[in-house]
């Protein structure tokens, strides 16, 4: 386990990820305001939270301990990562609209709305419901720990959620398992936002994750047959292998330690 007191706290989300406790999950007030926009995530975040050089899980406690040294060395260099959302306009084509509808529908349902059939790809929506539900049930501890470290207490904290996508893909590896894990975490957050009367931000959350996927993963998604490819992929029975590394990172942020990491393996 990292010693939080030894780590210098760079700007952005990093103080919330490394400081002890994580704070209460109750909002300070019930007021909401327009989304202030994304902030930057340290480019080495994922590497320093459980990924090794090959993009796989650490095989020993010594590999986990090595990450502490990487933290101390890299904090002094600062962050040069780009913002999550590019300044140019998105192409609101069929894939963008389909992705946006899928996430909006799924997140509203997670927050308690009735199931809807308005998606342009009902098979993809059904797949995200099924796989997302399995991921949330099986890895609730890691998701809850991540949410607590994000410490969404009031309207100013909403921007911290927009840093999660960069963490999920920080080692450059993309697959359907990671994409659906990101979407599933968003559904988990949407349910939480509803519980603390911040449901006005659920649409903002869905748009933020949509924009990230279309800005950074569009080419990969297109090359893998779009959301129809997602449906085809999850016909495979064993999809857990594609989730382990990113769930390891979630566990690391949550401060759950090596024991949970080895359970995830």
C-alpha atoms as a PDB file:
ATOM      1  CA  UNK A   1       0.000   0.000   0.000  1.00  0.00           C
ATOM      2  CA  UNK A   2       1.245   3.483  -0.773  1.00  0.00           C
ATOM      3  CA  UNK A   3       1.962   5.877   2.039  1.00  0.00           C
ATOM      4  CA  UNK A   4      -0.238   8.836   1.141  1.00  0.00           C
ATOM      5  CA  UNK A   5       1.796  11.164   3.307  1.00  0.00           C
ATOM      6  CA  UNK A   6       4.900  10.591   1.166  1.00  0.00           C
ATOM      7  CA  UNK A   7       3.296  11.571  -2.094  1.00  0.00           C
ATOM      8  CA  UNK A   8       3.322  15.100  -3.456  1.00  0.00           C
ATOM      9  CA  UNK A   9      -0.096  16.092  -4.688  1.00  0.00           C
ATOM     10  CA  UNK A  10      -0.191  17.416  -8.277  1.00  0.00           C
ATOM     11  CA  UNK A  11      -3.128  19.362  -9.650  1.00  0.00           C
ATOM     12  CA  UNK A  12      -6.421  17.882 -10.748  1.00  0.00           C
ATOM     13  CA  UNK A  13      -7.767  14.623  -9.423  1.00  0.00           C
ATOM     14  CA  UNK A  14      -4.531  13.286  -7.956  1.00  0.00           C
ATOM     15  CA  UNK A  15      -5.010  14.783  -4.456  1.00  0.00           C
ATOM     16  CA  UNK A  16      -8.353  13.022  -4.216  1.00  0.00           C
ATOM     17  CA  UNK A  17      -6.883   9.729  -5.354  1.00  0.00           C
ATOM     18  CA  UNK A  18      -3.957   9.637  -2.956  1.00  0.00           C
ATOM     19  CA  UNK A  19      -5.049  11.350   0.219  1.00  0.00           C
ATOM     20  CA  UNK A  20      -6.428   9.129   2.929  1.00  0.00           C
ATOM     21  CA  UNK A  21     -10.117   8.799   3.633  1.00  0.00           C
ATOM     22  CA  UNK A  22     -11.675  10.171   0.477  1.00  0.00           C
ATOM     23  CA  UNK A  23     -14.267  12.207   2.348  1.00  0.00           C
ATOM     24  CA  UNK A  24     -17.969  11.748   2.808  1.00  0.00           C
ATOM     25  CA  UNK A  25     -20.211  10.734  -0.061  1.00  0.00           C
ATOM     26  CA  UNK A  26     -22.883  13.201   0.979  1.00  0.00           C
ATOM     27  CA  UNK A  27     -23.183  16.513  -0.923  1.00  0.00           C
ATOM     28  CA  UNK A  28     -22.623  19.716   0.979  1.00  0.00           C
ATOM     29  CA  UNK A  29     -25.738  21.182  -0.570  1.00  0.00           C
ATOM     30  CA  UNK A  30     -28.427  20.160  -3.001  1.00  0.00           C
ATOM     31  CA  UNK A  31     -27.586  22.818  -5.544  1.00  0.00           C
ATOM     32  CA  UNK A  32     -26.316  22.075  -9.017  1.00  0.00           C
ATOM     33  CA  UNK A  33     -24.721  24.329 -11.622  1.00  0.00           C
ATOM     34  CA  UNK A  34     -23.564  24.084 -15.238  1.00  0.00           C
ATOM     35  CA  UNK A  35     -20.802  21.550 -15.827  1.00  0.00           C
ATOM     36  CA  UNK A  36     -17.442  23.358 -15.506  1.00  0.00           C
ATOM     37  CA  UNK A  37     -15.656  21.148 -18.062  1.00  0.00           C
ATOM     38  CA  UNK A  38     -13.010  18.428 -17.886  1.00  0.00           C
ATOM     39  CA  UNK A  39      -9.685  18.682 -16.133  1.00  0.00           C
ATOM     40  CA  UNK A  40      -6.405  16.966 -16.894  1.00  0.00           C
ATOM     41  CA  UNK A  41      -5.167  13.630 -15.607  1.00  0.00           C
ATOM     42  CA  UNK A  42      -1.498  12.853 -15.047  1.00  0.00           C
ATOM     43  CA  UNK A  43      -0.316  10.936 -18.117  1.00  0.00           C
ATOM     44  CA  UNK A  44       1.405   8.236 -16.013  1.00  0.00           C
ATOM     45  CA  UNK A  45      -1.599   7.627 -13.762  1.00  0.00           C
ATOM     46  CA  UNK A  46      -2.511   4.174 -15.009  1.00  0.00           C
ATOM     47  CA  UNK A  47       1.073   2.917 -15.012  1.00  0.00           C
ATOM     48  CA  UNK A  48       1.481   4.090 -11.446  1.00  0.00           C
ATOM     49  CA  UNK A  49      -1.726   2.440 -10.260  1.00  0.00           C
ATOM     50  CA  UNK A  50      -1.161  -1.204 -11.118  1.00  0.00           C
ATOM     51  CA  UNK A  51      -0.214  -1.659 -14.765  1.00  0.00           C
ATOM     52  CA  UNK A  52       3.171  -3.147 -15.536  1.00  0.00           C
ATOM     53  CA  UNK A  53       5.132  -2.637 -18.742  1.00  0.00           C
ATOM     54  CA  UNK A  54       3.196  -5.266 -20.665  1.00  0.00           C
ATOM     55  CA  UNK A  55      -0.236  -3.980 -19.674  1.00  0.00           C
ATOM     56  CA  UNK A  56      -0.854  -6.985 -17.393  1.00  0.00           C
ATOM     57  CA  UNK A  57      -1.329  -7.401 -13.666  1.00  0.00           C
ATOM     58  CA  UNK A  58       1.614  -7.281 -11.259  1.00  0.00           C
ATOM     59  CA  UNK A  59       2.744 -10.800 -10.447  1.00  0.00           C
ATOM     60  CA  UNK A  60       4.199 -10.057  -7.032  1.00  0.00           C
ATOM     61  CA  UNK A  61       4.155  -7.616  -4.153  1.00  0.00           C
ATOM     62  CA  UNK A  62       7.553  -6.312  -5.320  1.00  0.00           C
ATOM     63  CA  UNK A  63       5.991  -5.065  -8.556  1.00  0.00           C
ATOM     64  CA  UNK A  64       3.331  -3.255  -6.541  1.00  0.00           C
ATOM     65  CA  UNK A  65       6.039  -1.708  -4.358  1.00  0.00           C
ATOM     66  CA  UNK A  66       7.957  -0.491  -7.428  1.00  0.00           C
ATOM     67  CA  UNK A  67       4.998   1.710  -8.305  1.00  0.00           C
ATOM     68  CA  UNK A  68       5.672   3.813  -5.201  1.00  0.00           C
ATOM     69  CA  UNK A  69       9.066   4.827  -6.562  1.00  0.00           C
ATOM     70  CA  UNK A  70       7.511   5.729  -9.916  1.00  0.00           C
ATOM     71  CA  UNK A  71       5.045   7.992  -8.110  1.00  0.00           C
ATOM     72  CA  UNK A  72       7.747   9.884  -6.266  1.00  0.00           C
ATOM     73  CA  UNK A  73       9.887  10.301  -9.378  1.00  0.00           C
ATOM     74  CA  UNK A  74       7.163  11.368 -11.774  1.00  0.00           C
ATOM     75  CA  UNK A  75       5.265  13.868  -9.609  1.00  0.00           C
ATOM     76  CA  UNK A  76       8.092  16.379 -10.004  1.00  0.00           C
ATOM     77  CA  UNK A  77       7.770  16.340 -13.801  1.00  0.00           C
ATOM     78  CA  UNK A  78       4.219  17.641 -13.911  1.00  0.00           C
ATOM     79  CA  UNK A  79       1.444  16.665 -16.323  1.00  0.00           C
ATOM     80  CA  UNK A  80       1.449  17.212 -20.052  1.00  0.00           C
ATOM     81  CA  UNK A  81      -1.618  15.128 -20.864  1.00  0.00           C
ATOM     82  CA  UNK A  82      -4.165  16.721 -23.207  1.00  0.00           C
ATOM     83  CA  UNK A  83      -7.681  17.603 -22.078  1.00  0.00           C
ATOM     84  CA  UNK A  84     -10.171  14.768 -22.330  1.00  0.00           C
ATOM     85  CA  UNK A  85     -12.411  16.663 -24.699  1.00  0.00           C
ATOM     86  CA  UNK A  86     -10.792  18.288 -27.756  1.00  0.00           C
ATOM     87  CA  UNK A  87     -11.598  21.876 -28.576  1.00  0.00           C
ATOM     88  CA  UNK A  88     -12.808  21.122 -32.094  1.00  0.00           C
ATOM     89  CA  UNK A  89     -16.382  20.077 -32.758  1.00  0.00           C
ATOM     90  CA  UNK A  90     -17.355  16.437 -32.748  1.00  0.00           C
ATOM     91  CA  UNK A  91     -18.765  14.812 -35.848  1.00  0.00           C
ATOM     92  CA  UNK A  92     -22.326  14.077 -34.836  1.00  0.00           C
ATOM     93  CA  UNK A  93     -22.655  11.193 -37.244  1.00  0.00           C
ATOM     94  CA  UNK A  94     -24.508   7.907 -36.872  1.00  0.00           C
ATOM     95  CA  UNK A  95     -21.878   6.356 -34.579  1.00  0.00           C
ATOM     96  CA  UNK A  96     -21.773   9.404 -32.302  1.00  0.00           C
ATOM     97  CA  UNK A  97     -25.560   9.568 -32.003  1.00  0.00           C
ATOM     98  CA  UNK A  98     -25.808   5.817 -31.433  1.00  0.00           C
ATOM     99  CA  UNK A  99     -23.168   5.935 -28.687  1.00  0.00           C
ATOM    100  CA  UNK A 100     -24.783   8.940 -27.035  1.00  0.00           C
ATOM    101  CA  UNK A 101     -28.223   7.311 -27.029  1.00  0.00           C
ATOM    102  CA  UNK A 102     -26.855   4.071 -25.599  1.00  0.00           C
ATOM    103  CA  UNK A 103     -25.133   5.832 -22.707  1.00  0.00           C
ATOM    104  CA  UNK A 104     -27.998   8.225 -21.961  1.00  0.00           C
ATOM    105  CA  UNK A 105     -30.501   5.364 -21.917  1.00  0.00           C
ATOM    106  CA  UNK A 106     -28.323   3.071 -19.821  1.00  0.00           C
ATOM    107  CA  UNK A 107     -27.453   5.744 -17.276  1.00  0.00           C
ATOM    108  CA  UNK A 108     -31.038   6.918 -16.857  1.00  0.00           C
ATOM    109  CA  UNK A 109     -32.120   3.326 -16.318  1.00  0.00           C
ATOM    110  CA  UNK A 110     -29.353   2.836 -13.751  1.00  0.00           C
ATOM    111  CA  UNK A 111     -30.675   5.891 -11.911  1.00  0.00           C
ATOM    112  CA  UNK A 112     -34.109   4.302 -11.675  1.00  0.00           C
ATOM    113  CA  UNK A 113     -35.931   5.269 -14.866  1.00  0.00           C
ATOM    114  CA  UNK A 114     -38.031   2.632 -16.586  1.00  0.00           C
ATOM    115  CA  UNK A 115     -36.341   0.575 -19.275  1.00  0.00           C
ATOM    116  CA  UNK A 116     -36.684   2.210 -22.674  1.00  0.00           C
ATOM    117  CA  UNK A 117     -36.524   0.812 -26.190  1.00  0.00           C
ATOM    118  CA  UNK A 118     -35.556   4.046 -27.929  1.00  0.00           C
ATOM    119  CA  UNK A 119     -32.007   2.989 -28.783  1.00  0.00           C
ATOM    120  CA  UNK A 120     -31.107   2.650 -32.449  1.00  0.00           C
ATOM    121  CA  UNK A 121     -29.288  -0.574 -31.519  1.00  0.00           C
ATOM    122  CA  UNK A 122     -31.451  -2.591 -29.096  1.00  0.00           C
ATOM    123  CA  UNK A 123     -29.067  -5.570 -29.169  1.00  0.00           C
ATOM    124  CA  UNK A 124     -26.169  -3.373 -28.061  1.00  0.00           C
ATOM    125  CA  UNK A 125     -28.309  -1.842 -25.314  1.00  0.00           C
ATOM    126  CA  UNK A 126     -29.316  -5.302 -24.095  1.00  0.00           C
ATOM    127  CA  UNK A 127     -25.662  -6.382 -24.102  1.00  0.00           C
ATOM    128  CA  UNK A 128     -24.560  -3.324 -22.113  1.00  0.00           C
ATOM    129  CA  UNK A 129     -27.353  -3.931 -19.614  1.00  0.00           C
ATOM    130  CA  UNK A 130     -26.387  -7.577 -19.176  1.00  0.00           C
ATOM    131  CA  UNK A 131     -22.601  -7.270 -19.088  1.00  0.00           C
ATOM    132  CA  UNK A 132     -22.678  -3.984 -17.198  1.00  0.00           C
ATOM    133  CA  UNK A 133     -24.897  -5.523 -14.551  1.00  0.00           C
ATOM    134  CA  UNK A 134     -22.525  -8.464 -14.165  1.00  0.00           C
ATOM    135  CA  UNK A 135     -19.503  -6.184 -13.865  1.00  0.00           C
ATOM    136  CA  UNK A 136     -21.200  -3.947 -11.305  1.00  0.00           C
ATOM    137  CA  UNK A 137     -22.341  -6.908  -9.214  1.00  0.00           C
ATOM    138  CA  UNK A 138     -19.008  -8.723  -9.266  1.00  0.00           C
ATOM    139  CA  UNK A 139     -16.723  -5.705  -8.847  1.00  0.00           C
ATOM    140  CA  UNK A 140     -18.875  -3.425  -6.710  1.00  0.00           C
ATOM    141  CA  UNK A 141     -16.144  -3.095  -4.090  1.00  0.00           C
ATOM    142  CA  UNK A 142     -13.638  -1.676  -6.583  1.00  0.00           C
ATOM    143  CA  UNK A 143     -16.221   0.689  -8.100  1.00  0.00           C
ATOM    144  CA  UNK A 144     -17.401   1.878  -4.684  1.00  0.00           C
ATOM    145  CA  UNK A 145     -13.837   2.507  -3.574  1.00  0.00           C
ATOM    146  CA  UNK A 146     -13.097   4.454  -6.753  1.00  0.00           C
ATOM    147  CA  UNK A 147     -16.238   6.550  -6.284  1.00  0.00           C
ATOM    148  CA  UNK A 148     -15.340   7.287  -2.688  1.00  0.00           C
ATOM    149  CA  UNK A 149     -11.853   8.433  -3.681  1.00  0.00           C
ATOM    150  CA  UNK A 150     -13.358  10.717  -6.324  1.00  0.00           C
ATOM    151  CA  UNK A 151     -15.406  12.154  -3.443  1.00  0.00           C
ATOM    152  CA  UNK A 152     -18.295  13.675  -5.401  1.00  0.00           C
ATOM    153  CA  UNK A 153     -19.710  15.902  -2.686  1.00  0.00           C
ATOM    154  CA  UNK A 154     -20.937  18.986  -4.527  1.00  0.00           C
ATOM    155  CA  UNK A 155     -21.291  20.585  -7.944  1.00  0.00           C
ATOM    156  CA  UNK A 156     -17.596  21.499  -8.238  1.00  0.00           C
ATOM    157  CA  UNK A 157     -16.595  17.850  -7.850  1.00  0.00           C
ATOM    158  CA  UNK A 158     -18.487  16.660 -10.938  1.00  0.00           C
ATOM    159  CA  UNK A 159     -15.539  17.506 -13.180  1.00  0.00           C
ATOM    160  CA  UNK A 160     -13.418  14.831 -11.484  1.00  0.00           C
ATOM    161  CA  UNK A 161     -15.489  12.068 -13.087  1.00  0.00           C
ATOM    162  CA  UNK A 162     -14.324  13.169 -16.528  1.00  0.00           C
ATOM    163  CA  UNK A 163     -10.787  12.063 -15.664  1.00  0.00           C
ATOM    164  CA  UNK A 164     -11.696   8.388 -15.304  1.00  0.00           C
ATOM    165  CA  UNK A 165     -11.680   7.519 -19.060  1.00  0.00           C
ATOM    166  CA  UNK A 166      -8.046   8.585 -19.423  1.00  0.00           C
ATOM    167  CA  UNK A 167      -7.136   6.338 -16.505  1.00  0.00           C
ATOM    168  CA  UNK A 168      -8.877   3.313 -18.007  1.00  0.00           C
ATOM    169  CA  UNK A 169      -6.887   3.575 -21.252  1.00  0.00           C
ATOM    170  CA  UNK A 170      -3.695   5.158 -19.907  1.00  0.00           C
ATOM    171  CA  UNK A 171      -1.468   2.239 -20.968  1.00  0.00           C
ATOM    172  CA  UNK A 172      -2.616   2.425 -24.591  1.00  0.00           C
ATOM    173  CA  UNK A 173      -4.511  -0.880 -24.573  1.00  0.00           C
ATOM    174  CA  UNK A 174      -8.048  -0.829 -25.980  1.00  0.00           C
ATOM    175  CA  UNK A 175     -10.570  -3.658 -26.012  1.00  0.00           C
ATOM    176  CA  UNK A 176     -14.295  -4.121 -25.561  1.00  0.00           C
ATOM    177  CA  UNK A 177     -13.765  -5.221 -21.968  1.00  0.00           C
ATOM    178  CA  UNK A 178     -12.265  -1.866 -21.038  1.00  0.00           C
ATOM    179  CA  UNK A 179     -14.825   0.135 -22.992  1.00  0.00           C
ATOM    180  CA  UNK A 180     -17.700  -1.646 -21.272  1.00  0.00           C
ATOM    181  CA  UNK A 181     -15.979  -1.359 -17.884  1.00  0.00           C
ATOM    182  CA  UNK A 182     -15.817   2.416 -18.368  1.00  0.00           C
ATOM    183  CA  UNK A 183     -19.472   2.541 -19.407  1.00  0.00           C
ATOM    184  CA  UNK A 184     -20.417   0.327 -16.452  1.00  0.00           C
ATOM    185  CA  UNK A 185     -18.619   2.599 -14.008  1.00  0.00           C
ATOM    186  CA  UNK A 186     -20.548   5.513 -15.490  1.00  0.00           C
ATOM    187  CA  UNK A 187     -23.788   3.649 -14.786  1.00  0.00           C
ATOM    188  CA  UNK A 188     -22.609   3.088 -11.215  1.00  0.00           C
ATOM    189  CA  UNK A 189     -21.925   6.822 -10.848  1.00  0.00           C
ATOM    190  CA  UNK A 190     -25.310   7.694 -12.374  1.00  0.00           C
ATOM    191  CA  UNK A 191     -27.068   5.660  -9.694  1.00  0.00           C
ATOM    192  CA  UNK A 192     -25.059   7.484  -7.039  1.00  0.00           C
ATOM    193  CA  UNK A 193     -25.853  10.915  -8.511  1.00  0.00           C
ATOM    194  CA  UNK A 194     -29.541  10.076  -8.292  1.00  0.00           C
ATOM    195  CA  UNK A 195     -29.162   9.049  -4.648  1.00  0.00           C
ATOM    196  CA  UNK A 196     -27.645  12.423  -3.689  1.00  0.00           C
ATOM    197  CA  UNK A 197     -30.124  14.498  -5.717  1.00  0.00           C
ATOM    198  CA  UNK A 198     -27.606  15.402  -8.442  1.00  0.00           C
ATOM    199  CA  UNK A 199     -29.490  13.634 -11.228  1.00  0.00           C
ATOM    200  CA  UNK A 200     -29.316  16.786 -13.366  1.00  0.00           C
ATOM    201  CA  UNK A 201     -25.717  15.768 -14.084  1.00  0.00           C
ATOM    202  CA  UNK A 202     -26.465  12.290 -15.410  1.00  0.00           C
ATOM    203  CA  UNK A 203     -26.817  13.632 -18.945  1.00  0.00           C
ATOM    204  CA  UNK A 204     -23.545  15.531 -18.540  1.00  0.00           C
ATOM    205  CA  UNK A 205     -21.855  12.308 -17.432  1.00  0.00           C
ATOM    206  CA  UNK A 206     -23.195  10.414 -20.463  1.00  0.00           C
ATOM    207  CA  UNK A 207     -22.086  13.189 -22.835  1.00  0.00           C
ATOM    208  CA  UNK A 208     -18.617  13.349 -21.258  1.00  0.00           C
ATOM    209  CA  UNK A 209     -18.008   9.617 -21.708  1.00  0.00           C
ATOM    210  CA  UNK A 210     -19.510   9.715 -25.219  1.00  0.00           C
ATOM    211  CA  UNK A 211     -17.202  12.564 -26.203  1.00  0.00           C
ATOM    212  CA  UNK A 212     -14.172  10.728 -24.860  1.00  0.00           C
ATOM    213  CA  UNK A 213     -14.996   7.548 -26.769  1.00  0.00           C
ATOM    214  CA  UNK A 214     -15.634   9.443 -29.990  1.00  0.00           C
ATOM    215  CA  UNK A 215     -12.514  11.599 -29.629  1.00  0.00           C
ATOM    216  CA  UNK A 216     -10.086   8.848 -28.653  1.00  0.00           C
ATOM    217  CA  UNK A 217     -11.614   5.448 -29.486  1.00  0.00           C
ATOM    218  CA  UNK A 218     -13.701   6.112 -32.602  1.00  0.00           C
ATOM    219  CA  UNK A 219     -11.200   4.522 -34.993  1.00  0.00           C
ATOM    220  CA  UNK A 220     -10.855   1.414 -32.840  1.00  0.00           C
ATOM    221  CA  UNK A 221     -14.625   1.061 -32.484  1.00  0.00           C
ATOM    222  CA  UNK A 222     -15.128   1.463 -36.227  1.00  0.00           C
ATOM    223  CA  UNK A 223     -12.409  -1.099 -36.993  1.00  0.00           C
ATOM    224  CA  UNK A 224     -14.162  -3.557 -34.677  1.00  0.00           C
ATOM    225  CA  UNK A 225     -17.568  -3.215 -36.365  1.00  0.00           C
ATOM    226  CA  UNK A 226     -19.085  -0.597 -34.081  1.00  0.00           C
ATOM    227  CA  UNK A 227     -21.569  -1.570 -31.420  1.00  0.00           C
ATOM    228  CA  UNK A 228     -22.536  -4.653 -33.412  1.00  0.00           C
ATOM    229  CA  UNK A 229     -18.958  -5.775 -32.791  1.00  0.00           C
ATOM    230  CA  UNK A 230     -19.512  -5.286 -29.073  1.00  0.00           C
ATOM    231  CA  UNK A 231     -22.553  -7.561 -29.231  1.00  0.00           C
ATOM    232  CA  UNK A 232     -20.564 -10.207 -31.107  1.00  0.00           C
ATOM    233  CA  UNK A 233     -17.619 -10.002 -28.710  1.00  0.00           C
ATOM    234  CA  UNK A 234     -19.693 -10.608 -25.605  1.00  0.00           C
ATOM    235  CA  UNK A 235     -21.124 -13.802 -27.011  1.00  0.00           C
ATOM    236  CA  UNK A 236     -17.776 -15.186 -25.868  1.00  0.00           C
ATOM    237  CA  UNK A 237     -18.273 -16.727 -22.452  1.00  0.00           C
ATOM    238  CA  UNK A 238     -14.981 -15.653 -20.827  1.00  0.00           C
ATOM    239  CA  UNK A 239     -14.661 -11.885 -21.131  1.00  0.00           C
ATOM    240  CA  UNK A 240     -13.160 -11.331 -17.671  1.00  0.00           C
ATOM    241  CA  UNK A 241      -9.591 -11.474 -18.971  1.00  0.00           C
ATOM    242  CA  UNK A 242     -10.163  -8.165 -20.733  1.00  0.00           C
ATOM    243  CA  UNK A 243     -11.222  -6.483 -17.494  1.00  0.00           C
ATOM    244  CA  UNK A 244      -8.574  -7.539 -15.004  1.00  0.00           C
ATOM    245  CA  UNK A 245      -5.953  -4.876 -15.592  1.00  0.00           C
ATOM    246  CA  UNK A 246      -8.337  -1.934 -15.439  1.00  0.00           C
ATOM    247  CA  UNK A 247     -10.127  -3.375 -12.400  1.00  0.00           C
ATOM    248  CA  UNK A 248      -6.721  -3.735 -10.778  1.00  0.00           C
ATOM    249  CA  UNK A 249      -6.214  -0.019 -11.351  1.00  0.00           C
ATOM    250  CA  UNK A 250      -9.602   0.772  -9.801  1.00  0.00           C
ATOM    251  CA  UNK A 251      -8.648  -1.333  -6.783  1.00  0.00           C
ATOM    252  CA  UNK A 252      -5.345   0.520  -6.489  1.00  0.00           C
ATOM    253  CA  UNK A 253      -7.021   3.920  -6.465  1.00  0.00           C
ATOM    254  CA  UNK A 254      -9.555   2.734  -3.934  1.00  0.00           C
ATOM    255  CA  UNK A 255      -6.722   1.721  -1.598  1.00  0.00           C
ATOM    256  CA  UNK A 256      -8.022  -1.831  -1.425  1.00  0.00           C
ATOM    257  CA  UNK A 257      -4.543  -3.311  -1.596  1.00  0.00           C
ATOM    258  CA  UNK A 258      -2.969  -6.406  -3.061  1.00  0.00           C
ATOM    259  CA  UNK A 259      -5.526  -8.812  -1.595  1.00  0.00           C
ATOM    260  CA  UNK A 260      -8.296  -7.523  -3.847  1.00  0.00           C
ATOM    261  CA  UNK A 261      -5.867  -7.334  -6.746  1.00  0.00           C
ATOM    262  CA  UNK A 262      -5.175 -11.039  -6.478  1.00  0.00           C
ATOM    263  CA  UNK A 263      -8.895 -11.803  -6.179  1.00  0.00           C
ATOM    264  CA  UNK A 264      -9.434  -9.973  -9.477  1.00  0.00           C
ATOM    265  CA  UNK A 265      -6.702 -11.951 -11.270  1.00  0.00           C
END
